[in-house]
Amino acid sequence: MKQTMRYTTLGHSGIEVSRLCLGGMSFGAPSADFHLWTIGKDETRAVIKRALDQGINFIDTANGYAHGTSEEYIGAALRELGVPRDKVVLASKVYFNEGRLSREAINREIEGSLKRLGTDYLDLYIIHRFDYGTPIEETMEALDELVRAGKVRALGASEMYAYQLHNMQVVAEQNGWTTFTSMQCHYNLLYREDEREMIPVCRQFGMALTPYSPMASGHLCRPTWEGTSHRAETDATVRNKYDADRERDMPIVDRVAELARRRGVSMAQIALAWHWARGVEAPVVGCSRPERVDDAVAALDVELTSDEVDYLEEPYVAHELVGPIGRPGEKELAGTTDPNKK
């Protein structure tokens, strides 16, 4: 049954987006040095068609996903489906490339993304990580020039430390450059560290939250820790991101499963509904089959009570940071520079 999609504004940009964002990391040619579980052109088109039919208008990808073929497959699907350009909000990212966030790299990579997607502008251009090797001023001015040139409508940021986001926003404001309007952070019931500093900074600057891994790469979708999907069996990134906290996180998984049984809905719907209860604008959901889209959209009708939110959150304990990149030369507790980490 088709659900009624809901929409919101992407931060201070004024761009209207669906309360779900379709993630593009599932799309593209499989490869041993990225992911083996990505889906092909026809499957990508089927997922995107179902998302559009369900009212999702927001699609996120990156220049590095499946070595650029994610962007290619998305662009091809939109053309084959005859989707008018102004009916879809397209987001892509820059960082995991030569030159990181230098002016030269940004100007080069935007052209590659536009070509692969088959469009002359992006609605949202996101910096995928923080670049320690490029002055903030150089990055923010280069991004602002893309906006002024009409190649990008709005800017977003992804994994970094809160102080880094704050500094970049302040530099942009001081120079009259375009500021970030959204943050794609690592946020779900198993990983809530950004509640401490990142989310308050985002709200200070009027930014929307569009978290990745809202279902903890599948761990919040099944009552067992181990999965049987092709992704669960081949994705070392997921194991590196979550397995260290398995014992501390399983009580939360158990509560999601129990609440899902009690409410008569899927665990994925409970995990997603928690995001909206927490004020998230549009979690980024990866879908490898059209049915996954239906399940995610159905979550919009699941409204958690404050007691249910407390019940889900109560077992949580602090985690090591997973996502932002540590300063070169320092011990990196915060993940890696690997784009497979999202």
Protein backbone atom coordinates (compact mmCIF):
# COMPACT_ATOMS: atom_id res chain seq x y z
CA MET A 1 0.00 0.00 0.00
CA LYS A 2 1.32 3.42 -0.93
CA GLN A 3 1.98 5.62 2.08
CA THR A 4 1.63 9.39 2.23
CA MET A 5 5.10 10.94 2.04
CA ARG A 6 5.95 13.84 4.30
CA TYR A 7 8.31 16.68 3.48
CA THR A 8 10.50 19.18 5.25
CA THR A 9 12.93 21.96 4.46
CA LEU A 10 16.63 21.19 4.08
CA GLY A 11 17.96 23.49 6.78
CA HIS A 12 18.09 27.15 5.81
CA SER A 13 18.31 26.38 2.06
CA GLY A 14 14.57 26.49 1.43
CA ILE A 15 14.83 23.26 -0.58
CA GLU A 16 11.92 20.90 0.07
CA VAL A 17 12.95 17.29 0.65
CA SER A 18 11.14 14.10 1.61
CA ARG A 19 11.52 12.92 5.20
CA LEU A 20 13.51 9.98 3.79
CA CYS A 21 16.60 10.25 1.62
CA LEU A 22 17.48 7.38 -0.72
CA GLY A 23 21.17 6.53 -0.25
CA GLY A 24 23.29 5.72 -3.28
CA MET A 25 26.00 3.55 -1.73
CA SER A 26 24.01 0.44 -2.65
CA PHE A 27 24.18 1.33 -6.35
CA GLY A 28 27.05 0.70 -8.75
CA ALA A 29 29.41 -1.91 -10.11
CA PRO A 30 30.62 -4.37 -7.43
CA SER A 31 34.35 -4.42 -6.75
CA ALA A 32 36.71 -5.98 -4.24
CA ASP A 33 38.18 -2.61 -3.28
CA PHE A 34 34.83 -0.94 -2.60
CA HIS A 35 31.83 -3.20 -2.02
CA LEU A 36 30.82 -6.57 -3.44
CA TRP A 37 27.15 -6.15 -2.52
CA THR A 38 26.19 -3.18 -4.72
CA ILE A 39 23.38 -3.66 -7.26
CA GLY A 40 23.34 -3.26 -11.04
CA LYS A 41 21.74 -0.76 -13.40
CA ASP A 42 18.38 -2.48 -13.75
CA GLU A 43 18.06 -3.10 -10.01
CA THR A 44 19.06 0.50 -9.31
CA ARG A 45 16.40 1.78 -11.67
CA ALA A 46 13.76 -0.42 -9.99
CA VAL A 47 14.66 0.88 -6.52
CA ILE A 48 14.68 4.50 -7.67
CA LYS A 49 11.33 4.07 -9.44
CA ARG A 50 9.76 2.68 -6.28
CA ALA A 51 11.21 5.51 -4.21
CA LEU A 52 9.87 8.14 -6.60
CA ASP A 53 6.48 6.42 -6.73
CA GLN A 54 6.38 6.54 -2.93
CA GLY A 55 7.10 10.27 -2.93
CA ILE A 56 10.81 10.22 -2.07
CA ASN A 57 12.43 13.11 -3.95
CA PHE A 58 15.85 13.17 -2.22
CA ILE A 59 18.73 11.00 -3.52
CA ASP A 60 22.24 11.01 -2.04
CA THR A 61 25.43 9.64 -3.57
CA ALA A 62 29.16 10.45 -3.74
CA ASN A 63 31.93 10.71 -6.30
CA GLY A 64 33.68 7.73 -4.72
CA TYR A 65 30.77 5.32 -4.37
CA ALA A 66 31.51 2.26 -6.51
CA HIS A 67 34.25 4.28 -8.24
CA GLY A 68 31.73 6.73 -9.71
CA THR A 69 29.32 4.13 -11.06
CA SER A 70 26.77 4.95 -8.35
CA GLU A 71 26.41 8.42 -9.86
CA GLU A 72 26.30 6.91 -13.35
CA TYR A 73 23.55 4.43 -12.47
CA ILE A 74 21.47 7.08 -10.72
CA GLY A 75 21.78 9.47 -13.65
CA ALA A 76 20.87 6.74 -16.13
CA ALA A 77 17.86 5.65 -14.07
CA LEU A 78 16.47 9.17 -13.85
CA ARG A 79 16.84 9.65 -17.62
CA GLU A 80 15.27 6.29 -18.45
CA LEU A 81 12.38 6.97 -16.09
CA GLY A 82 11.86 10.39 -17.65
CA VAL A 83 12.08 12.23 -14.35
CA PRO A 84 12.04 16.04 -14.74
CA ARG A 85 15.19 17.49 -13.21
CA ASP A 86 13.30 19.83 -10.89
CA LYS A 87 11.34 16.94 -9.37
CA VAL A 88 14.34 15.36 -7.67
CA VAL A 89 16.85 16.70 -5.13
CA LEU A 90 20.28 15.32 -6.03
CA ALA A 91 23.16 15.31 -3.55
CA SER A 92 26.74 14.17 -4.06
CA LYS A 93 30.02 14.49 -2.18
CA VAL A 94 33.68 15.44 -2.52
CA TYR A 95 36.79 14.48 -0.48
CA PHE A 96 37.86 10.90 -1.24
CA ASN A 97 39.76 12.01 -4.32
CA GLU A 98 43.09 13.47 -5.30
CA GLY A 99 43.54 16.85 -3.64
CA ARG A 100 40.77 16.29 -1.07
CA LEU A 101 39.05 19.69 -0.58
CA SER A 102 41.51 21.95 -2.39
CA ARG A 103 40.08 24.47 -4.83
CA GLU A 104 41.53 22.51 -7.74
CA ALA A 105 40.03 19.25 -6.52
CA ILE A 106 36.59 20.74 -5.86
CA ASN A 107 36.45 22.35 -9.31
CA ARG A 108 37.58 19.10 -10.94
CA GLU A 109 35.35 16.75 -8.98
CA ILE A 110 32.13 18.73 -9.39
CA GLU A 111 32.50 18.43 -13.16
CA GLY A 112 32.94 14.67 -12.89
CA SER A 113 29.89 14.29 -10.69
CA LEU A 114 27.73 16.44 -12.94
CA LYS A 115 28.80 14.47 -16.00
CA ARG A 116 28.16 11.09 -14.41
CA LEU A 117 24.76 12.16 -13.08
CA GLY A 118 23.85 13.77 -16.40
CA THR A 119 22.88 17.14 -14.97
CA ASP A 120 24.19 20.69 -15.04
CA TYR A 121 23.71 21.33 -11.31
CA LEU A 122 23.51 19.60 -7.93
CA ASP A 123 20.91 20.56 -5.38
CA LEU A 124 23.28 19.71 -2.54
CA TYR A 125 27.08 19.34 -2.58
CA ILE A 126 28.52 17.74 0.56
CA ILE A 127 32.09 17.66 1.83
CA HIS A 128 32.59 14.00 2.75
CA ARG A 129 35.15 14.61 5.53
CA PHE A 130 37.29 17.43 6.96
CA ASP A 131 40.53 18.16 5.09
CA TYR A 132 43.48 18.90 7.38
CA GLY A 133 45.69 19.69 4.39
CA THR A 134 43.71 22.57 2.88
CA PRO A 135 42.97 25.94 4.53
CA ILE A 136 39.31 26.26 5.51
CA GLU A 137 39.16 29.56 3.64
CA GLU A 138 40.22 27.92 0.37
CA THR A 139 37.59 25.19 0.69
CA MET A 140 34.71 27.45 1.66
CA GLU A 141 35.47 30.05 -1.00
CA ALA A 142 35.69 27.36 -3.70
CA LEU A 143 32.36 25.89 -2.61
CA ASP A 144 30.77 29.33 -2.55
CA GLU A 145 31.97 29.93 -6.11
CA LEU A 146 30.12 26.79 -7.22
CA VAL A 147 26.93 28.16 -5.71
CA ARG A 148 27.41 31.55 -7.36
CA ALA A 149 28.09 29.84 -10.70
CA GLY A 150 24.81 27.92 -10.47
CA LYS A 151 26.47 24.50 -10.37
CA VAL A 152 25.29 23.88 -6.79
CA ARG A 153 22.19 25.11 -4.98
CA ALA A 154 23.20 24.37 -1.40
CA LEU A 155 26.13 23.00 0.61
CA GLY A 156 26.29 20.21 3.15
CA ALA A 157 28.87 18.61 5.42
CA SER A 158 29.47 15.08 6.62
CA GLU A 159 31.63 13.36 9.26
CA MET A 160 33.99 15.63 11.20
CA TYR A 161 34.43 16.99 14.71
CA ALA A 162 31.93 19.58 15.91
CA TYR A 163 34.61 22.25 16.38
CA GLN A 164 35.64 21.79 12.73
CA LEU A 165 32.09 22.34 11.51
CA HIS A 166 31.80 25.39 13.76
CA ASN A 167 35.03 26.86 12.40
CA MET A 168 34.01 26.32 8.79
CA GLN A 169 30.62 27.94 9.34
CA VAL A 170 32.18 30.94 11.07
CA VAL A 171 34.72 31.44 8.26
CA ALA A 172 31.92 31.33 5.70
CA GLU A 173 29.81 33.82 7.66
CA GLN A 174 32.73 36.21 8.16
CA ASN A 175 33.48 36.28 4.43
CA GLY A 176 29.92 36.35 3.14
CA TRP A 177 30.22 32.87 1.65
CA THR A 178 27.56 30.17 1.51
CA THR A 179 27.25 28.19 4.76
CA PHE A 180 26.40 24.52 5.17
CA THR A 181 22.69 23.73 5.34
CA SER A 182 22.83 20.04 6.30
CA MET A 183 24.92 17.51 8.19
CA GLN A 184 25.20 13.85 7.18
CA CYS A 185 26.52 12.34 10.40
CA HIS A 186 26.76 8.82 11.79
CA TYR A 187 23.70 8.55 14.02
CA ASN A 188 21.45 5.71 15.12
CA LEU A 189 20.29 3.89 18.26
CA LEU A 190 23.66 2.10 18.50
CA TYR A 191 25.76 5.23 17.95
CA ARG A 192 24.61 8.51 19.52
CA GLU A 193 27.86 10.34 20.21
CA ASP A 194 26.90 13.32 18.05
CA GLU A 195 24.18 14.25 20.53
CA ARG A 196 26.94 15.68 22.74
CA GLU A 197 28.33 18.41 20.47
CA MET A 198 27.73 17.92 16.74
CA ILE A 199 23.93 18.10 16.75
CA PRO A 200 23.81 21.21 18.99
CA VAL A 201 26.29 22.96 16.65
CA CYS A 202 24.15 21.98 13.66
CA ARG A 203 21.06 23.43 15.28
CA GLN A 204 22.98 26.59 16.18
CA PHE A 205 23.55 27.17 12.46
CA GLY A 206 20.07 26.16 11.30
CA MET A 207 21.24 22.92 9.67
CA ALA A 208 19.14 19.88 8.85
CA LEU A 209 20.20 16.42 10.00
CA THR A 210 20.43 13.72 7.31
CA PRO A 211 22.18 10.86 9.14
CA TYR A 212 23.72 7.89 7.40
CA SER A 213 23.47 4.32 8.74
CA PRO A 214 20.15 5.02 10.49
CA MET A 215 19.69 1.27 10.94
CA ALA A 216 23.33 0.61 11.91
CA SER A 217 24.09 -1.20 8.67
CA GLY A 218 21.37 -3.76 9.32
CA HIS A 219 22.03 -4.44 13.00
CA LEU A 220 18.77 -2.71 13.95
CA CYS A 221 16.78 -4.68 11.36
CA ARG A 222 17.16 -8.21 12.78
CA PRO A 223 17.09 -9.76 16.27
CA THR A 224 20.47 -11.46 15.78
CA TRP A 225 23.81 -9.68 15.48
CA GLU A 226 25.01 -11.71 12.51
CA GLY A 227 23.12 -11.40 9.24
CA THR A 228 22.75 -13.70 6.25
CA SER A 229 22.55 -11.12 3.46
CA HIS A 230 25.28 -10.77 0.85
CA ARG A 231 26.26 -7.48 2.45
CA ALA A 232 26.43 -8.95 5.96
CA GLU A 233 28.65 -11.76 4.72
CA THR A 234 31.06 -9.63 2.64
CA ASP A 235 31.15 -6.12 4.17
CA ALA A 236 34.23 -5.85 6.40
CA THR A 237 33.45 -2.15 6.93
CA VAL A 238 30.31 -3.00 8.89
CA ARG A 239 32.24 -5.38 11.13
CA ASN A 240 34.93 -2.77 11.76
CA LYS A 241 32.33 -0.14 12.57
CA TYR A 242 30.11 -2.07 14.97
CA ASP A 243 31.51 -5.42 16.12
CA ALA A 244 33.72 -3.99 18.87
CA ASP A 245 30.59 -2.85 20.74
CA ARG A 246 28.53 -5.97 20.11
CA GLU A 247 28.08 -6.93 23.77
CA ARG A 248 27.14 -3.40 24.81
CA ASP A 249 24.78 -2.90 21.86
CA MET A 250 22.84 -6.17 21.81
CA PRO A 251 20.56 -5.05 24.68
CA ILE A 252 19.44 -2.17 22.45
CA VAL A 253 18.88 -4.52 19.51
CA ASP A 254 16.81 -6.72 21.83
CA ARG A 255 14.65 -3.76 22.82
CA VAL A 256 14.09 -2.74 19.21
CA ALA A 257 13.01 -6.31 18.42
CA GLU A 258 10.71 -6.44 21.47
CA LEU A 259 9.07 -3.10 20.67
CA ALA A 260 8.64 -4.09 17.01
CA ARG A 261 6.82 -7.26 18.08
CA ARG A 262 4.66 -5.30 20.48
CA ARG A 263 3.74 -2.69 17.84
CA GLY A 264 3.33 -5.22 15.02
CA VAL A 265 5.86 -3.50 12.74
CA SER A 266 9.36 -4.29 11.48
CA MET A 267 12.49 -3.52 13.47
CA ALA A 268 13.61 -1.20 10.67
CA GLN A 269 10.48 0.86 11.14
CA ILE A 270 11.16 1.24 14.85
CA ALA A 271 14.78 2.25 14.16
CA LEU A 272 13.69 4.86 11.64
CA ALA A 273 10.79 6.16 13.73
CA TRP A 274 13.28 6.87 16.53
CA HIS A 275 15.08 9.33 14.23
CA TRP A 276 11.96 11.38 13.62
CA ALA A 277 11.13 11.27 17.32
CA ARG A 278 14.60 12.76 17.83
CA GLY A 279 13.90 15.59 15.36
CA VAL A 280 15.94 14.27 12.43
CA GLU A 281 14.85 15.77 9.11
CA ALA A 282 15.72 13.00 6.64
CA PRO A 283 17.69 9.84 7.46
CA VAL A 284 19.58 8.37 4.51
CA VAL A 285 18.33 4.85 3.80
CA GLY A 286 20.14 2.41 1.53
CA CYS A 287 17.83 0.02 -0.32
CA SER A 288 18.88 -2.92 -2.47
CA ARG A 289 15.32 -3.96 -3.34
CA PRO A 290 12.08 -2.03 -3.95
CA GLU A 291 10.49 -3.79 -0.97
CA ARG A 292 13.04 -2.15 1.32
CA VAL A 293 11.76 1.22 0.12
CA ASP A 294 8.22 0.27 1.06
CA ASP A 295 9.30 -0.79 4.55
CA ALA A 296 11.17 2.47 5.11
CA VAL A 297 8.28 4.62 3.93
CA ALA A 298 5.84 2.69 6.13
CA ALA A 299 7.94 3.80 9.12
CA LEU A 300 6.55 7.31 8.68
CA ASP A 301 3.29 6.06 10.20
CA VAL A 302 5.04 4.76 13.33
CA GLU A 303 5.03 7.42 16.03
CA LEU A 304 6.94 6.50 19.17
CA THR A 305 5.82 7.73 22.56
CA SER A 306 8.29 9.41 24.88
CA ASP A 307 8.23 6.31 27.07
CA GLU A 308 9.08 4.12 24.07
CA VAL A 309 11.98 6.41 23.13
CA ASP A 310 13.29 6.23 26.70
CA TYR A 311 12.96 2.44 26.65
CA LEU A 312 15.02 2.18 23.46
CA GLU A 313 17.70 4.59 24.63
CA GLU A 314 18.14 3.50 28.25
CA PRO A 315 20.82 0.77 27.71
CA TYR A 316 23.13 3.07 25.69
CA VAL A 317 26.67 3.69 26.89
CA ALA A 318 29.33 5.96 25.43
CA HIS A 319 31.19 4.71 22.35
CA GLU A 320 34.51 5.51 20.75
CA LEU A 321 34.04 7.87 17.83
CA VAL A 322 33.47 6.20 14.47
CA GLY A 323 33.41 8.40 11.40
CA PRO A 324 35.44 11.62 11.72
CA ILE A 325 39.07 11.48 10.70
CA GLY A 326 41.78 12.19 13.28
CA ARG A 327 44.56 14.67 12.62
CA PRO A 328 47.40 13.03 10.63
CA GLY A 329 50.11 11.75 12.94
CA GLU A 330 47.80 11.39 15.92
CA LYS A 331 46.27 8.18 17.18
CA GLU A 332 43.07 7.79 15.18
CA LEU A 333 40.21 6.63 17.35
CA ALA A 334 37.80 8.13 14.89
CA GLY A 335 37.87 5.74 11.98
CA THR A 336 39.75 5.89 8.71
CA THR A 337 39.95 7.76 5.44
CA ASP A 338 38.17 4.87 3.76
CA PRO A 339 35.07 6.02 1.80
CA ASN A 340 33.56 2.58 2.47
CA LYS A 341 32.96 3.88 6.01
CA LYS A 342 30.33 6.15 4.48
